Amino acid sequence: MLLTQSGMPLHVTQNGGAIWDGTQRPNLIGDPSTSGRVQDRLNGFFNNAAFSQPAPDVPGNAPRNLGFRGPGIKTLDAALLKSIFVREGHRIELRLEGNNFTNTPMFRDPATAFGANNFGQISGLRDGVGPRNLQFGLKYYF
């Protein structure tokens, strides 16, 4: 089974924002997009120079949703089965199963709090999705 899914929308906020009535966002002063594979952008998923600190009690002009998505999911689970007849009422089943067969890493979303030390960095893998896992099974039906 092949599973592909796009990432979640990213919402940039202001780390330690100074506004009295809500969440402060940074100012957007350039193009935050970057190009390349996710593996090549772990320390800079988007262009940090495209943001600036707004004045105190000013909301900032960055939109709530920048139109960027976090890293997506792409995984392949596969199984091979072989049933071997032994005699009447008896058979052997051989089974080989693989989860994340292509061994594709699935990264977490980058940190989106402008002003934080890790802004724009991806710090790990998604929970619940591990490396390739192969298992072999043998069943005897009687």
Protein backbone atom coordinates (compact mmCIF):
# COMPACT_ATOMS: atom_id res chain seq x y z
CA MET A 1 0.00 0.00 0.00
CA LEU A 2 1.47 3.33 -1.07
CA LEU A 3 0.66 6.30 1.16
CA THR A 4 1.45 9.85 0.09
CA GLN A 5 0.21 12.90 1.91
CA SER A 6 1.15 16.55 1.76
CA GLY A 7 2.36 18.30 4.89
CA MET A 8 0.29 20.48 7.20
CA PRO A 9 0.05 24.25 6.58
CA LEU A 10 2.68 26.24 8.48
CA HIS A 11 1.66 29.24 10.61
CA VAL A 12 4.51 31.55 11.60
CA THR A 13 4.17 33.28 14.97
CA GLN A 14 6.35 35.64 17.01
CA ASN A 15 8.41 34.16 19.85
CA GLY A 16 7.79 36.25 22.96
CA GLY A 17 5.60 38.69 21.08
CA ALA A 18 4.83 42.01 22.73
CA ILE A 19 1.16 42.64 22.00
CA TRP A 20 -1.62 43.04 24.50
CA ASP A 21 -4.58 41.49 22.67
CA GLY A 22 -3.47 38.32 20.89
CA THR A 23 -0.74 36.52 19.03
CA GLN A 24 1.84 38.70 17.39
CA ARG A 25 3.23 37.68 14.01
CA PRO A 26 6.48 38.92 12.48
CA ASN A 27 6.72 41.29 9.55
CA LEU A 28 7.14 39.66 6.15
CA ILE A 29 9.81 41.63 4.26
CA GLY A 30 10.82 39.15 1.54
CA ASP A 31 10.17 35.79 -0.05
CA PRO A 32 10.37 33.01 2.58
CA SER A 33 10.54 30.19 0.03
CA THR A 34 13.59 27.97 -0.44
CA SER A 35 14.14 25.12 -2.86
CA GLY A 36 15.60 21.66 -2.72
CA ARG A 37 14.94 18.40 -0.94
CA VAL A 38 13.77 18.43 2.66
CA GLN A 39 16.98 16.60 3.67
CA ASP A 40 18.99 19.56 2.31
CA ARG A 41 16.87 22.14 4.18
CA LEU A 42 16.83 20.71 7.73
CA ASN A 43 18.57 23.82 9.14
CA GLY A 44 16.65 26.29 7.00
CA PHE A 45 13.28 25.08 5.77
CA PHE A 46 12.39 28.65 4.81
CA ASN A 47 14.34 31.88 4.35
CA ASN A 48 14.74 33.41 7.83
CA ALA A 49 15.88 36.74 6.34
CA ALA A 50 12.37 37.22 4.92
CA PHE A 51 11.04 38.03 8.42
CA SER A 52 11.64 40.91 10.82
CA GLN A 53 10.62 41.85 14.35
CA PRO A 54 7.60 44.18 14.51
CA ALA A 55 7.39 47.06 16.96
CA PRO A 56 5.74 46.39 20.35
CA ASP A 57 1.92 46.33 20.21
CA VAL A 58 1.98 46.04 16.40
CA PRO A 59 0.50 42.79 15.04
CA GLY A 60 3.01 42.32 12.20
CA ASN A 61 2.08 41.99 8.54
CA ALA A 62 2.86 38.30 7.94
CA PRO A 63 -0.32 36.46 6.99
CA ARG A 64 -1.58 33.73 9.30
CA ASN A 65 -0.90 31.13 6.61
CA LEU A 66 2.12 31.73 4.38
CA GLY A 67 1.00 29.20 1.79
CA PHE A 68 3.78 26.80 2.78
CA ARG A 69 3.35 23.26 4.00
CA GLY A 70 5.58 21.13 6.15
CA PRO A 71 7.26 17.96 4.91
CA GLY A 72 4.84 15.38 3.58
CA ILE A 73 4.56 11.65 4.10
CA LYS A 74 5.54 9.03 1.54
CA THR A 75 5.67 5.39 2.55
CA LEU A 76 5.19 1.98 1.00
CA ASP A 77 4.00 -1.08 2.91
CA ALA A 78 4.26 -4.40 1.04
CA ALA A 79 3.65 -8.09 1.61
CA LEU A 80 4.51 -11.29 -0.26
CA LEU A 81 2.61 -14.51 0.49
CA LYS A 82 3.06 -18.05 -0.75
CA SER A 83 0.74 -20.91 0.18
CA ILE A 84 2.18 -24.42 -0.29
CA PHE A 85 -0.08 -27.48 -0.34
CA VAL A 86 1.28 -30.31 1.84
CA ARG A 87 -1.60 -32.84 1.81
CA GLU A 88 -5.35 -32.72 2.09
CA GLY A 89 -6.32 -30.32 4.88
CA HIS A 90 -2.70 -29.25 5.48
CA ARG A 91 -0.77 -26.35 4.00
CA ILE A 92 2.15 -24.07 4.80
CA GLU A 93 1.97 -20.32 4.36
CA LEU A 94 5.15 -18.27 3.91
CA ARG A 95 4.82 -14.53 4.45
CA LEU A 96 7.24 -11.59 4.07
CA GLU A 97 5.96 -8.18 5.16
CA GLY A 98 7.66 -4.80 5.05
CA ASN A 99 6.59 -1.51 6.63
CA ASN A 100 8.12 1.67 5.18
CA PHE A 101 9.67 -0.59 2.56
CA THR A 102 11.40 2.29 0.76
CA ASN A 103 12.92 3.45 4.09
CA THR A 104 11.86 7.06 3.41
CA PRO A 105 12.33 9.42 6.40
CA MET A 106 9.27 11.42 7.42
CA PHE A 107 10.36 14.67 9.02
CA ARG A 108 8.51 16.78 11.59
CA ASP A 109 7.35 20.29 10.77
CA PRO A 110 9.94 23.04 11.22
CA ALA A 111 9.84 25.36 14.23
CA THR A 112 7.64 28.32 13.28
CA ALA A 113 8.19 30.77 16.16
CA PHE A 114 10.19 33.70 14.74
CA GLY A 115 12.86 34.83 17.18
CA ALA A 116 13.46 31.37 18.61
CA ASN A 117 16.92 29.84 18.19
CA ASN A 118 15.51 26.95 16.15
CA PHE A 119 13.26 29.02 13.84
CA GLY A 120 12.90 27.25 10.48
CA GLN A 121 14.77 24.14 11.61
CA ILE A 122 13.48 20.57 11.48
CA SER A 123 14.55 18.79 14.63
CA GLY A 124 13.53 15.20 14.06
CA LEU A 125 11.22 12.62 12.57
CA ARG A 126 7.47 12.23 12.97
CA ASP A 127 6.31 10.10 15.88
CA GLY A 128 5.00 6.65 15.07
CA VAL A 129 6.83 6.30 11.76
CA GLY A 130 10.10 4.43 11.95
CA PRO A 131 12.69 2.99 9.62
CA ARG A 132 12.11 0.01 7.37
CA ASN A 133 10.74 -2.97 9.28
CA LEU A 134 10.79 -6.42 7.66
CA GLN A 135 9.31 -9.55 9.18
CA PHE A 136 9.08 -13.13 8.04
CA GLY A 137 6.28 -15.51 9.00
CA LEU A 138 5.67 -19.21 8.64
CA LYS A 139 2.28 -20.83 9.40
CA TYR A 140 1.29 -24.43 9.27
CA TYR A 141 -2.45 -24.97 8.81
CA PHE A 142 -3.91 -28.37 9.76
